[in-house]
């Protein structure tokens, strides 16, 4: 089995230089780093991570608590976080709270017990109970969903802007009759998307009635259910804004089963721009969230907090963008 001295000899550098590359304890030149990495690969050298952890009092493990791993949006975020973690020499433990506050609390305790170096939390929602108390003992950050009472970094997409973009697009097509399939009431992104949508309508002198808000839970099943409910009304809206892509898929499926054509009869816009949005029929117009950039920044900011536990809480916002596809139509006559 190769040792660090073997790597140093193969690379033609000192043992100390190899240590700096392995432990990232000092900046080295790209040329030196490439020599060491090549030698490690040739010799199949694996650092002793357990000894390294004990020596530096780090587990080199991060935690990630997600509200629903079956939702492709969160699965894609998890992938980007995992990639960024590995790039920085960390492993990742992924926990699925299943939108359950008690399970979220149990996983927070599990991660604390395993002494992970830090945790990224996508909360199940705004919870009056202190379900995530166990992670307060470690560096952690919030991602995607806000819990303003927690003193840490928060990385968010601007959901108000996203809702505004969705409404502005539909208004540009001369739609004036809308329905929103909203997300859970205890989650900030859902509330902010609705406020942004309403703001764009208000600028055109329009008001969104409470009867135009259909309650979903971010699942395709809830979108399908509310799509069926729409069919029981005397008149369909001309446009539907589903607060995520999965609910948009469900609503379109329900309409299609009853011969309602999208976008010829009803335009539908989603949110998130998950991978399937490009392949669904019709291809889904949606508001894209920069999940790759958000996941990468989440790891970077968490590592900053691990290095300096006294950092003040900071908020970072990313801008969403509109992705035009086939589920919204050409401009209508008023």
C-alpha atoms as a PDB file:
ATOM      1  CA  UNK A   1       0.000   0.000   0.000  1.00  0.00           C
ATOM      2  CA  UNK A   2       1.413   3.377  -1.069  1.00  0.00           C
ATOM      3  CA  UNK A   3       2.328   5.926   1.582  1.00  0.00           C
ATOM      4  CA  UNK A   4       2.558   9.708   1.485  1.00  0.00           C
ATOM      5  CA  UNK A   5       6.354   9.344   1.162  1.00  0.00           C
ATOM      6  CA  UNK A   6       5.881   7.184  -1.921  1.00  0.00           C
ATOM      7  CA  UNK A   7       3.701   9.889  -3.462  1.00  0.00           C
ATOM      8  CA  UNK A   8       6.298  12.561  -2.639  1.00  0.00           C
ATOM      9  CA  UNK A   9       9.074  10.531  -4.267  1.00  0.00           C
ATOM     10  CA  UNK A  10       6.990   9.803  -7.406  1.00  0.00           C
ATOM     11  CA  UNK A  11       6.003  13.471  -7.752  1.00  0.00           C
ATOM     12  CA  UNK A  12       9.507  14.731  -6.966  1.00  0.00           C
ATOM     13  CA  UNK A  13       8.263  17.010  -4.177  1.00  0.00           C
ATOM     14  CA  UNK A  14       8.464  17.092  -0.409  1.00  0.00           C
ATOM     15  CA  UNK A  15       6.160  15.179   1.937  1.00  0.00           C
ATOM     16  CA  UNK A  16       5.012  18.559   3.246  1.00  0.00           C
ATOM     17  CA  UNK A  17       3.912  19.604  -0.245  1.00  0.00           C
ATOM     18  CA  UNK A  18       1.904  16.413  -0.636  1.00  0.00           C
ATOM     19  CA  UNK A  19       0.279  17.087   2.734  1.00  0.00           C
ATOM     20  CA  UNK A  20      -0.716  20.611   1.656  1.00  0.00           C
ATOM     21  CA  UNK A  21      -2.375  19.236  -1.488  1.00  0.00           C
ATOM     22  CA  UNK A  22      -4.193  16.423   0.338  1.00  0.00           C
ATOM     23  CA  UNK A  23      -5.351  18.525   3.293  1.00  0.00           C
ATOM     24  CA  UNK A  24      -5.785  21.812   1.391  1.00  0.00           C
ATOM     25  CA  UNK A  25      -3.895  23.444   4.233  1.00  0.00           C
ATOM     26  CA  UNK A  26      -1.974  25.860   2.037  1.00  0.00           C
ATOM     27  CA  UNK A  27      -2.293  27.262  -1.491  1.00  0.00           C
ATOM     28  CA  UNK A  28       0.075  25.542  -3.900  1.00  0.00           C
ATOM     29  CA  UNK A  29       0.826  26.182  -7.564  1.00  0.00           C
ATOM     30  CA  UNK A  30      -1.356  24.415 -10.148  1.00  0.00           C
ATOM     31  CA  UNK A  31       1.741  22.641 -11.478  1.00  0.00           C
ATOM     32  CA  UNK A  32       2.656  21.223  -8.034  1.00  0.00           C
ATOM     33  CA  UNK A  33      -0.922  20.189  -7.367  1.00  0.00           C
ATOM     34  CA  UNK A  34      -1.120  18.389 -10.727  1.00  0.00           C
ATOM     35  CA  UNK A  35       2.157  16.524 -10.033  1.00  0.00           C
ATOM     36  CA  UNK A  36       0.872  15.317  -6.654  1.00  0.00           C
ATOM     37  CA  UNK A  37      -2.565  14.303  -7.962  1.00  0.00           C
ATOM     38  CA  UNK A  38      -0.994  12.395 -10.860  1.00  0.00           C
ATOM     39  CA  UNK A  39       1.345  10.561  -8.496  1.00  0.00           C
ATOM     40  CA  UNK A  40      -1.563   9.705  -6.170  1.00  0.00           C
ATOM     41  CA  UNK A  41      -3.516   8.296  -9.110  1.00  0.00           C
ATOM     42  CA  UNK A  42      -0.581   6.271 -10.439  1.00  0.00           C
ATOM     43  CA  UNK A  43       0.093   4.770  -6.990  1.00  0.00           C
ATOM     44  CA  UNK A  44      -3.611   4.383  -6.130  1.00  0.00           C
ATOM     45  CA  UNK A  45      -2.889   6.364  -2.955  1.00  0.00           C
ATOM     46  CA  UNK A  46      -5.782   6.959  -0.569  1.00  0.00           C
ATOM     47  CA  UNK A  47      -5.320   9.372   2.360  1.00  0.00           C
ATOM     48  CA  UNK A  48      -6.118   7.992   5.797  1.00  0.00           C
ATOM     49  CA  UNK A  49      -9.302  10.006   6.319  1.00  0.00           C
ATOM     50  CA  UNK A  50      -9.935   8.646   9.812  1.00  0.00           C
ATOM     51  CA  UNK A  51      -6.517   9.768  11.042  1.00  0.00           C
ATOM     52  CA  UNK A  52      -6.978  13.047   9.236  1.00  0.00           C
ATOM     53  CA  UNK A  53     -10.342  13.581  10.921  1.00  0.00           C
ATOM     54  CA  UNK A  54      -9.008  12.837  14.397  1.00  0.00           C
ATOM     55  CA  UNK A  55      -5.993  15.056  13.875  1.00  0.00           C
ATOM     56  CA  UNK A  56      -7.992  18.040  12.646  1.00  0.00           C
ATOM     57  CA  UNK A  57     -11.159  17.344  14.686  1.00  0.00           C
ATOM     58  CA  UNK A  58     -13.255  17.261  11.533  1.00  0.00           C
ATOM     59  CA  UNK A  59     -15.356  14.435  10.129  1.00  0.00           C
ATOM     60  CA  UNK A  60     -15.108  15.810   6.564  1.00  0.00           C
ATOM     61  CA  UNK A  61     -18.809  15.008   6.285  1.00  0.00           C
ATOM     62  CA  UNK A  62     -21.697  17.375   5.596  1.00  0.00           C
ATOM     63  CA  UNK A  63     -25.407  16.831   6.183  1.00  0.00           C
ATOM     64  CA  UNK A  64     -28.302  17.740   3.890  1.00  0.00           C
ATOM     65  CA  UNK A  65     -31.931  17.649   5.051  1.00  0.00           C
ATOM     66  CA  UNK A  66     -34.481  17.791   2.222  1.00  0.00           C
ATOM     67  CA  UNK A  67     -38.286  17.951   2.467  1.00  0.00           C
ATOM     68  CA  UNK A  68     -38.992  15.542  -0.418  1.00  0.00           C
ATOM     69  CA  UNK A  69     -36.267  13.593  -2.197  1.00  0.00           C
ATOM     70  CA  UNK A  70     -38.836  12.267  -4.712  1.00  0.00           C
ATOM     71  CA  UNK A  71     -39.347  15.803  -6.037  1.00  0.00           C
ATOM     72  CA  UNK A  72     -36.931  16.121  -8.984  1.00  0.00           C
ATOM     73  CA  UNK A  73     -36.168  19.742  -8.065  1.00  0.00           C
ATOM     74  CA  UNK A  74     -34.722  18.673  -4.708  1.00  0.00           C
ATOM     75  CA  UNK A  75     -33.035  15.635  -6.247  1.00  0.00           C
ATOM     76  CA  UNK A  76     -31.258  17.932  -8.716  1.00  0.00           C
ATOM     77  CA  UNK A  77     -30.204  20.291  -5.919  1.00  0.00           C
ATOM     78  CA  UNK A  78     -28.893  17.315  -3.918  1.00  0.00           C
ATOM     79  CA  UNK A  79     -26.796  16.212  -6.897  1.00  0.00           C
ATOM     80  CA  UNK A  80     -25.175  19.646  -7.221  1.00  0.00           C
ATOM     81  CA  UNK A  81     -24.519  19.821  -3.475  1.00  0.00           C
ATOM     82  CA  UNK A  82     -22.972  16.355  -3.537  1.00  0.00           C
ATOM     83  CA  UNK A  83     -20.711  17.296  -6.462  1.00  0.00           C
ATOM     84  CA  UNK A  84     -19.582  20.509  -4.739  1.00  0.00           C
ATOM     85  CA  UNK A  85     -18.989  18.662  -1.464  1.00  0.00           C
ATOM     86  CA  UNK A  86     -16.762  16.082  -3.146  1.00  0.00           C
ATOM     87  CA  UNK A  87     -14.818  18.841  -4.891  1.00  0.00           C
ATOM     88  CA  UNK A  88     -13.955  20.227  -1.446  1.00  0.00           C
ATOM     89  CA  UNK A  89     -13.027  16.827  -0.004  1.00  0.00           C
ATOM     90  CA  UNK A  90     -16.272  16.178   1.910  1.00  0.00           C
ATOM     91  CA  UNK A  91     -18.774  13.335   1.905  1.00  0.00           C
ATOM     92  CA  UNK A  92     -22.502  14.038   2.128  1.00  0.00           C
ATOM     93  CA  UNK A  93     -25.269  12.433   4.191  1.00  0.00           C
ATOM     94  CA  UNK A  94     -28.700  13.069   2.645  1.00  0.00           C
ATOM     95  CA  UNK A  95     -31.809  12.939   4.848  1.00  0.00           C
ATOM     96  CA  UNK A  96     -35.422  13.074   3.619  1.00  0.00           C
ATOM     97  CA  UNK A  97     -37.847  14.660   6.106  1.00  0.00           C
ATOM     98  CA  UNK A  98     -40.856  13.865   3.901  1.00  0.00           C
ATOM     99  CA  UNK A  99     -42.352  17.283   4.847  1.00  0.00           C
ATOM    100  CA  UNK A 100     -42.666  15.955   8.425  1.00  0.00           C
ATOM    101  CA  UNK A 101     -41.447  18.236  11.217  1.00  0.00           C
ATOM    102  CA  UNK A 102     -40.927  15.378  13.675  1.00  0.00           C
ATOM    103  CA  UNK A 103     -38.824  13.467  11.130  1.00  0.00           C
ATOM    104  CA  UNK A 104     -36.913  16.652  10.331  1.00  0.00           C
ATOM    105  CA  UNK A 105     -36.095  16.977  14.034  1.00  0.00           C
ATOM    106  CA  UNK A 106     -34.978  13.346  14.289  1.00  0.00           C
ATOM    107  CA  UNK A 107     -32.667  13.708  11.306  1.00  0.00           C
ATOM    108  CA  UNK A 108     -31.222  16.918  12.747  1.00  0.00           C
ATOM    109  CA  UNK A 109     -30.365  14.954  15.877  1.00  0.00           C
ATOM    110  CA  UNK A 110     -28.893  12.073  13.858  1.00  0.00           C
ATOM    111  CA  UNK A 111     -26.578  14.489  12.030  1.00  0.00           C
ATOM    112  CA  UNK A 112     -25.563  16.113  15.322  1.00  0.00           C
ATOM    113  CA  UNK A 113     -24.851  12.682  16.834  1.00  0.00           C
ATOM    114  CA  UNK A 114     -22.728  11.731  13.820  1.00  0.00           C
ATOM    115  CA  UNK A 115     -20.759  14.945  14.348  1.00  0.00           C
ATOM    116  CA  UNK A 116     -21.022  16.147  10.781  1.00  0.00           C
ATOM    117  CA  UNK A 117     -19.027  19.321  10.255  1.00  0.00           C
ATOM    118  CA  UNK A 118     -22.081  21.247   9.072  1.00  0.00           C
ATOM    119  CA  UNK A 119     -25.583  20.896   7.659  1.00  0.00           C
ATOM    120  CA  UNK A 120     -27.575  22.395   4.786  1.00  0.00           C
ATOM    121  CA  UNK A 121     -31.268  22.578   5.683  1.00  0.00           C
ATOM    122  CA  UNK A 122     -34.181  22.832   3.263  1.00  0.00           C
ATOM    123  CA  UNK A 123     -36.895  23.083   5.871  1.00  0.00           C
ATOM    124  CA  UNK A 124     -40.250  21.326   5.769  1.00  0.00           C
ATOM    125  CA  UNK A 125     -41.741  24.798   6.336  1.00  0.00           C
ATOM    126  CA  UNK A 126     -42.346  27.438   8.947  1.00  0.00           C
ATOM    127  CA  UNK A 127     -42.879  25.440  12.123  1.00  0.00           C
ATOM    128  CA  UNK A 128     -43.847  26.989  15.456  1.00  0.00           C
ATOM    129  CA  UNK A 129     -41.993  24.242  17.303  1.00  0.00           C
ATOM    130  CA  UNK A 130     -38.197  24.189  17.451  1.00  0.00           C
ATOM    131  CA  UNK A 131     -37.833  21.074  15.299  1.00  0.00           C
ATOM    132  CA  UNK A 132     -34.287  21.830  14.116  1.00  0.00           C
ATOM    133  CA  UNK A 133     -32.827  22.702  17.528  1.00  0.00           C
ATOM    134  CA  UNK A 134     -30.164  19.930  17.320  1.00  0.00           C
ATOM    135  CA  UNK A 135     -28.408  21.559  14.361  1.00  0.00           C
ATOM    136  CA  UNK A 136     -28.002  24.829  16.259  1.00  0.00           C
ATOM    137  CA  UNK A 137     -24.972  23.234  17.902  1.00  0.00           C
ATOM    138  CA  UNK A 138     -23.153  22.989  14.553  1.00  0.00           C
ATOM    139  CA  UNK A 139     -22.521  25.268  11.557  1.00  0.00           C
ATOM    140  CA  UNK A 140     -25.543  25.207   9.254  1.00  0.00           C
ATOM    141  CA  UNK A 141     -27.220  27.243   6.531  1.00  0.00           C
ATOM    142  CA  UNK A 142     -30.723  27.540   5.088  1.00  0.00           C
ATOM    143  CA  UNK A 143     -31.391  26.796   1.423  1.00  0.00           C
ATOM    144  CA  UNK A 144     -34.470  27.487  -0.747  1.00  0.00           C
ATOM    145  CA  UNK A 145     -36.833  27.992   2.204  1.00  0.00           C
ATOM    146  CA  UNK A 146     -36.441  30.705   4.808  1.00  0.00           C
ATOM    147  CA  UNK A 147     -36.606  30.461   8.583  1.00  0.00           C
ATOM    148  CA  UNK A 148     -35.741  34.073   9.474  1.00  0.00           C
ATOM    149  CA  UNK A 149     -35.554  33.350  13.197  1.00  0.00           C
ATOM    150  CA  UNK A 150     -32.475  31.144  12.733  1.00  0.00           C
ATOM    151  CA  UNK A 151     -29.158  33.059  12.966  1.00  0.00           C
ATOM    152  CA  UNK A 152     -27.339  31.831   9.877  1.00  0.00           C
ATOM    153  CA  UNK A 153     -26.883  32.235   6.129  1.00  0.00           C
ATOM    154  CA  UNK A 154     -29.875  31.888   3.833  1.00  0.00           C
ATOM    155  CA  UNK A 155     -29.572  31.124   0.119  1.00  0.00           C
ATOM    156  CA  UNK A 156     -32.748  31.805  -1.833  1.00  0.00           C
ATOM    157  CA  UNK A 157     -34.115  32.226  -5.311  1.00  0.00           C
ATOM    158  CA  UNK A 158     -36.204  35.407  -5.644  1.00  0.00           C
ATOM    159  CA  UNK A 159     -39.648  33.815  -5.659  1.00  0.00           C
ATOM    160  CA  UNK A 160     -41.447  37.169  -5.731  1.00  0.00           C
ATOM    161  CA  UNK A 161     -39.638  37.984  -8.964  1.00  0.00           C
ATOM    162  CA  UNK A 162     -40.461  34.503 -10.283  1.00  0.00           C
ATOM    163  CA  UNK A 163     -44.175  34.965  -9.667  1.00  0.00           C
ATOM    164  CA  UNK A 164     -43.994  38.392 -11.295  1.00  0.00           C
ATOM    165  CA  UNK A 165     -42.278  36.884 -14.363  1.00  0.00           C
ATOM    166  CA  UNK A 166     -44.982  34.212 -14.710  1.00  0.00           C
ATOM    167  CA  UNK A 167     -47.811  36.751 -14.549  1.00  0.00           C
ATOM    168  CA  UNK A 168     -46.067  39.200 -16.880  1.00  0.00           C
ATOM    169  CA  UNK A 169     -45.664  36.486 -19.502  1.00  0.00           C
ATOM    170  CA  UNK A 170     -49.326  35.484 -19.339  1.00  0.00           C
ATOM    171  CA  UNK A 171     -50.416  39.119 -19.427  1.00  0.00           C
ATOM    172  CA  UNK A 172     -48.256  39.672 -22.517  1.00  0.00           C
ATOM    173  CA  UNK A 173     -50.319  36.949 -24.202  1.00  0.00           C
ATOM    174  CA  UNK A 174     -53.477  38.929 -23.311  1.00  0.00           C
ATOM    175  CA  UNK A 175     -54.698  36.474 -20.694  1.00  0.00           C
ATOM    176  CA  UNK A 176     -57.004  38.026 -18.119  1.00  0.00           C
ATOM    177  CA  UNK A 177     -58.622  34.968 -16.511  1.00  0.00           C
ATOM    178  CA  UNK A 178     -56.211  33.090 -14.230  1.00  0.00           C
ATOM    179  CA  UNK A 179     -56.072  30.229 -11.758  1.00  0.00           C
ATOM    180  CA  UNK A 180     -53.083  29.519  -9.504  1.00  0.00           C
ATOM    181  CA  UNK A 181     -52.353  26.065  -8.111  1.00  0.00           C
ATOM    182  CA  UNK A 182     -50.422  27.170  -5.037  1.00  0.00           C
ATOM    183  CA  UNK A 183     -48.081  25.295  -2.700  1.00  0.00           C
ATOM    184  CA  UNK A 184     -48.408  24.704   1.063  1.00  0.00           C
ATOM    185  CA  UNK A 185     -49.318  27.822   3.036  1.00  0.00           C
ATOM    186  CA  UNK A 186     -46.513  27.400   5.593  1.00  0.00           C
ATOM    187  CA  UNK A 187     -43.728  27.674   3.004  1.00  0.00           C
ATOM    188  CA  UNK A 188     -42.276  31.067   2.082  1.00  0.00           C
ATOM    189  CA  UNK A 189     -41.589  30.316  -1.618  1.00  0.00           C
ATOM    190  CA  UNK A 190     -45.280  29.627  -2.231  1.00  0.00           C
ATOM    191  CA  UNK A 191     -46.367  32.839  -0.502  1.00  0.00           C
ATOM    192  CA  UNK A 192     -43.758  34.944  -2.317  1.00  0.00           C
ATOM    193  CA  UNK A 193     -44.626  33.521  -5.752  1.00  0.00           C
ATOM    194  CA  UNK A 194     -48.249  34.425  -5.160  1.00  0.00           C
ATOM    195  CA  UNK A 195     -47.374  37.960  -4.035  1.00  0.00           C
ATOM    196  CA  UNK A 196     -45.220  38.489  -7.125  1.00  0.00           C
ATOM    197  CA  UNK A 197     -47.996  37.192  -9.387  1.00  0.00           C
ATOM    198  CA  UNK A 198     -50.532  39.493  -7.726  1.00  0.00           C
ATOM    199  CA  UNK A 199     -48.185  42.472  -8.043  1.00  0.00           C
ATOM    200  CA  UNK A 200     -47.916  42.064 -11.819  1.00  0.00           C
ATOM    201  CA  UNK A 201     -51.701  41.767 -12.114  1.00  0.00           C
ATOM    202  CA  UNK A 202     -52.238  44.834  -9.923  1.00  0.00           C
ATOM    203  CA  UNK A 203     -50.036  46.897 -12.223  1.00  0.00           C
ATOM    204  CA  UNK A 204     -52.557  46.077 -14.977  1.00  0.00           C
ATOM    205  CA  UNK A 205     -55.506  46.930 -12.747  1.00  0.00           C
ATOM    206  CA  UNK A 206     -56.421  43.282 -12.216  1.00  0.00           C
ATOM    207  CA  UNK A 207     -57.276  41.428  -9.003  1.00  0.00           C
ATOM    208  CA  UNK A 208     -56.820  37.732  -8.278  1.00  0.00           C
ATOM    209  CA  UNK A 209     -59.878  36.407  -6.485  1.00  0.00           C
ATOM    210  CA  UNK A 210     -59.531  33.885  -3.647  1.00  0.00           C
ATOM    211  CA  UNK A 211     -61.607  31.461  -5.723  1.00  0.00           C
ATOM    212  CA  UNK A 212     -58.746  31.489  -8.233  1.00  0.00           C
ATOM    213  CA  UNK A 213     -56.381  29.914  -5.694  1.00  0.00           C
ATOM    214  CA  UNK A 214     -56.401  26.119  -5.649  1.00  0.00           C
ATOM    215  CA  UNK A 215     -54.458  24.383  -2.875  1.00  0.00           C
ATOM    216  CA  UNK A 216     -51.718  21.977  -3.906  1.00  0.00           C
ATOM    217  CA  UNK A 217     -48.803  20.385  -2.074  1.00  0.00           C
ATOM    218  CA  UNK A 218     -46.123  20.479  -4.813  1.00  0.00           C
ATOM    219  CA  UNK A 219     -46.930  16.898  -5.907  1.00  0.00           C
ATOM    220  CA  UNK A 220     -48.133  15.937  -9.388  1.00  0.00           C
ATOM    221  CA  UNK A 221     -51.087  14.208  -7.698  1.00  0.00           C
ATOM    222  CA  UNK A 222     -52.293  17.491  -6.207  1.00  0.00           C
ATOM    223  CA  UNK A 223     -51.958  19.208  -9.584  1.00  0.00           C
ATOM    224  CA  UNK A 224     -53.997  16.440 -11.185  1.00  0.00           C
ATOM    225  CA  UNK A 225     -56.618  16.692  -8.452  1.00  0.00           C
ATOM    226  CA  UNK A 226     -56.972  20.447  -8.863  1.00  0.00           C
ATOM    227  CA  UNK A 227     -57.038  20.093 -12.640  1.00  0.00           C
ATOM    228  CA  UNK A 228     -60.013  17.761 -12.239  1.00  0.00           C
ATOM    229  CA  UNK A 229     -61.639  20.269  -9.892  1.00  0.00           C
ATOM    230  CA  UNK A 230     -61.327  22.977 -12.537  1.00  0.00           C
ATOM    231  CA  UNK A 231     -63.268  20.828 -14.980  1.00  0.00           C
ATOM    232  CA  UNK A 232     -66.256  20.924 -12.630  1.00  0.00           C
ATOM    233  CA  UNK A 233     -66.521  24.703 -12.962  1.00  0.00           C
ATOM    234  CA  UNK A 234     -68.879  26.366 -15.422  1.00  0.00           C
ATOM    235  CA  UNK A 235     -66.004  28.047 -17.202  1.00  0.00           C
ATOM    236  CA  UNK A 236     -62.331  27.223 -17.442  1.00  0.00           C
ATOM    237  CA  UNK A 237     -59.695  29.948 -17.000  1.00  0.00           C
ATOM    238  CA  UNK A 238     -57.581  30.754 -20.032  1.00  0.00           C
ATOM    239  CA  UNK A 239     -54.338  30.373 -18.044  1.00  0.00           C
ATOM    240  CA  UNK A 240     -53.036  28.323 -15.118  1.00  0.00           C
ATOM    241  CA  UNK A 241     -49.949  29.140 -13.051  1.00  0.00           C
ATOM    242  CA  UNK A 242     -48.833  26.038 -11.171  1.00  0.00           C
ATOM    243  CA  UNK A 243     -46.346  26.837  -8.420  1.00  0.00           C
ATOM    244  CA  UNK A 244     -44.068  23.992  -9.464  1.00  0.00           C
ATOM    245  CA  UNK A 245     -43.563  21.856 -12.547  1.00  0.00           C
ATOM    246  CA  UNK A 246     -44.929  18.664 -10.989  1.00  0.00           C
ATOM    247  CA  UNK A 247     -48.294  20.286 -10.280  1.00  0.00           C
ATOM    248  CA  UNK A 248     -48.297  21.684 -13.828  1.00  0.00           C
ATOM    249  CA  UNK A 249     -47.781  18.148 -15.198  1.00  0.00           C
ATOM    250  CA  UNK A 250     -50.682  16.868 -13.105  1.00  0.00           C
ATOM    251  CA  UNK A 251     -53.027  19.657 -14.200  1.00  0.00           C
ATOM    252  CA  UNK A 252     -52.176  19.224 -17.895  1.00  0.00           C
ATOM    253  CA  UNK A 253     -52.795  15.469 -17.612  1.00  0.00           C
ATOM    254  CA  UNK A 254     -56.224  16.037 -16.038  1.00  0.00           C
ATOM    255  CA  UNK A 255     -57.187  18.529 -18.759  1.00  0.00           C
ATOM    256  CA  UNK A 256     -55.949  16.220 -21.539  1.00  0.00           C
ATOM    257  CA  UNK A 257     -58.069  13.335 -20.221  1.00  0.00           C
ATOM    258  CA  UNK A 258     -61.138  15.511 -20.813  1.00  0.00           C
ATOM    259  CA  UNK A 259     -60.103  16.705 -24.262  1.00  0.00           C
ATOM    260  CA  UNK A 260     -58.922  20.152 -23.153  1.00  0.00           C
ATOM    261  CA  UNK A 261     -55.954  21.165 -25.288  1.00  0.00           C
ATOM    262  CA  UNK A 262     -52.904  22.945 -23.874  1.00  0.00           C
ATOM    263  CA  UNK A 263     -52.099  25.629 -24.942  1.00  0.00           C
ATOM    264  CA  UNK A 264     -54.856  26.070 -27.541  1.00  0.00           C
ATOM    265  CA  UNK A 265     -57.622  26.254 -24.916  1.00  0.00           C
ATOM    266  CA  UNK A 266     -55.702  26.781 -21.678  1.00  0.00           C
ATOM    267  CA  UNK A 267     -52.128  28.005 -21.236  1.00  0.00           C
ATOM    268  CA  UNK A 268     -50.127  26.453 -18.382  1.00  0.00           C
ATOM    269  CA  UNK A 269     -46.916  27.730 -16.820  1.00  0.00           C
ATOM    270  CA  UNK A 270     -44.915  25.888 -14.144  1.00  0.00           C
ATOM    271  CA  UNK A 271     -42.017  26.683 -11.820  1.00  0.00           C
ATOM    272  CA  UNK A 272     -38.530  25.164 -11.206  1.00  0.00           C
ATOM    273  CA  UNK A 273     -37.529  23.993 -14.711  1.00  0.00           C
ATOM    274  CA  UNK A 274     -36.832  20.411 -13.682  1.00  0.00           C
ATOM    275  CA  UNK A 275     -35.269  18.202 -16.344  1.00  0.00           C
ATOM    276  CA  UNK A 276     -38.592  16.585 -17.332  1.00  0.00           C
ATOM    277  CA  UNK A 277     -40.041  19.970 -18.332  1.00  0.00           C
ATOM    278  CA  UNK A 278     -38.159  19.783 -21.630  1.00  0.00           C
ATOM    279  CA  UNK A 279     -39.616  16.363 -22.486  1.00  0.00           C
ATOM    280  CA  UNK A 280     -43.202  16.543 -21.224  1.00  0.00           C
ATOM    281  CA  UNK A 281     -45.914  17.010 -23.860  1.00  0.00           C
ATOM    282  CA  UNK A 282     -46.466  19.840 -24.394  1.00  0.00           C
ATOM    283  CA  UNK A 283     -42.992  21.025 -23.427  1.00  0.00           C
ATOM    284  CA  UNK A 284     -43.534  23.149 -20.343  1.00  0.00           C
ATOM    285  CA  UNK A 285     -43.092  26.900 -20.135  1.00  0.00           C
ATOM    286  CA  UNK A 286     -41.694  27.475 -16.657  1.00  0.00           C
ATOM    287  CA  UNK A 287     -39.763  29.758 -14.329  1.00  0.00           C
ATOM    288  CA  UNK A 288     -36.267  28.336 -13.929  1.00  0.00           C
ATOM    289  CA  UNK A 289     -34.450  28.330 -10.614  1.00  0.00           C
ATOM    290  CA  UNK A 290     -30.623  28.263 -10.758  1.00  0.00           C
ATOM    291  CA  UNK A 291     -30.334  25.087  -8.675  1.00  0.00           C
ATOM    292  CA  UNK A 292     -26.760  24.380  -9.808  1.00  0.00           C
ATOM    293  CA  UNK A 293     -25.519  27.774  -8.634  1.00  0.00           C
ATOM    294  CA  UNK A 294     -27.588  27.602  -5.447  1.00  0.00           C
ATOM    295  CA  UNK A 295     -26.244  24.156  -4.546  1.00  0.00           C
ATOM    296  CA  UNK A 296     -22.653  25.188  -5.195  1.00  0.00           C
ATOM    297  CA  UNK A 297     -22.988  28.360  -3.128  1.00  0.00           C
ATOM    298  CA  UNK A 298     -24.661  26.426  -0.296  1.00  0.00           C
ATOM    299  CA  UNK A 299     -21.556  24.271   0.118  1.00  0.00           C
ATOM    300  CA  UNK A 300     -19.187  27.226  -0.192  1.00  0.00           C
ATOM    301  CA  UNK A 301     -21.023  29.312   2.413  1.00  0.00           C
ATOM    302  CA  UNK A 302     -21.347  26.352   4.766  1.00  0.00           C
ATOM    303  CA  UNK A 303     -17.581  25.752   4.576  1.00  0.00           C
ATOM    304  CA  UNK A 304     -17.028  29.430   5.349  1.00  0.00           C
ATOM    305  CA  UNK A 305     -19.135  29.027   8.492  1.00  0.00           C
ATOM    306  CA  UNK A 306     -17.243  25.871   9.453  1.00  0.00           C
ATOM    307  CA  UNK A 307     -14.005  27.870   9.206  1.00  0.00           C
ATOM    308  CA  UNK A 308     -15.434  30.864  11.091  1.00  0.00           C
ATOM    309  CA  UNK A 309     -18.335  30.022  13.410  1.00  0.00           C
ATOM    310  CA  UNK A 310     -18.761  33.700  14.378  1.00  0.00           C
ATOM    311  CA  UNK A 311     -19.821  34.895  10.940  1.00  0.00           C
ATOM    312  CA  UNK A 312     -23.009  37.001  11.024  1.00  0.00           C
ATOM    313  CA  UNK A 313     -26.087  35.740   9.210  1.00  0.00           C
ATOM    314  CA  UNK A 314     -26.172  36.677   5.522  1.00  0.00           C
ATOM    315  CA  UNK A 315     -28.838  36.374   2.820  1.00  0.00           C
ATOM    316  CA  UNK A 316     -27.999  35.586  -0.801  1.00  0.00           C
ATOM    317  CA  UNK A 317     -30.609  35.899  -3.550  1.00  0.00           C
ATOM    318  CA  UNK A 318     -30.520  34.420  -7.043  1.00  0.00           C
ATOM    319  CA  UNK A 319     -32.692  35.676  -9.888  1.00  0.00           C
ATOM    320  CA  UNK A 320     -34.999  33.201 -11.653  1.00  0.00           C
ATOM    321  CA  UNK A 321     -35.605  33.357 -15.388  1.00  0.00           C
ATOM    322  CA  UNK A 322     -38.511  32.587 -17.683  1.00  0.00           C
ATOM    323  CA  UNK A 323     -38.106  29.595 -20.020  1.00  0.00           C
ATOM    324  CA  UNK A 324     -40.521  29.705 -22.955  1.00  0.00           C
ATOM    325  CA  UNK A 325     -41.727  26.410 -24.381  1.00  0.00           C
ATOM    326  CA  UNK A 326     -44.966  25.023 -25.845  1.00  0.00           C
ATOM    327  CA  UNK A 327     -47.464  25.061 -22.969  1.00  0.00           C
ATOM    328  CA  UNK A 328     -48.222  28.766 -23.369  1.00  0.00           C
ATOM    329  CA  UNK A 329     -49.795  30.096 -26.539  1.00  0.00           C
ATOM    330  CA  UNK A 330     -49.457  32.976 -28.962  1.00  0.00           C
ATOM    331  CA  UNK A 331     -50.946  36.351 -27.960  1.00  0.00           C
ATOM    332  CA  UNK A 332     -54.744  36.316 -27.784  1.00  0.00           C
ATOM    333  CA  UNK A 333     -57.057  39.082 -28.878  1.00  0.00           C
ATOM    334  CA  UNK A 334     -58.652  40.922 -25.974  1.00  0.00           C
END
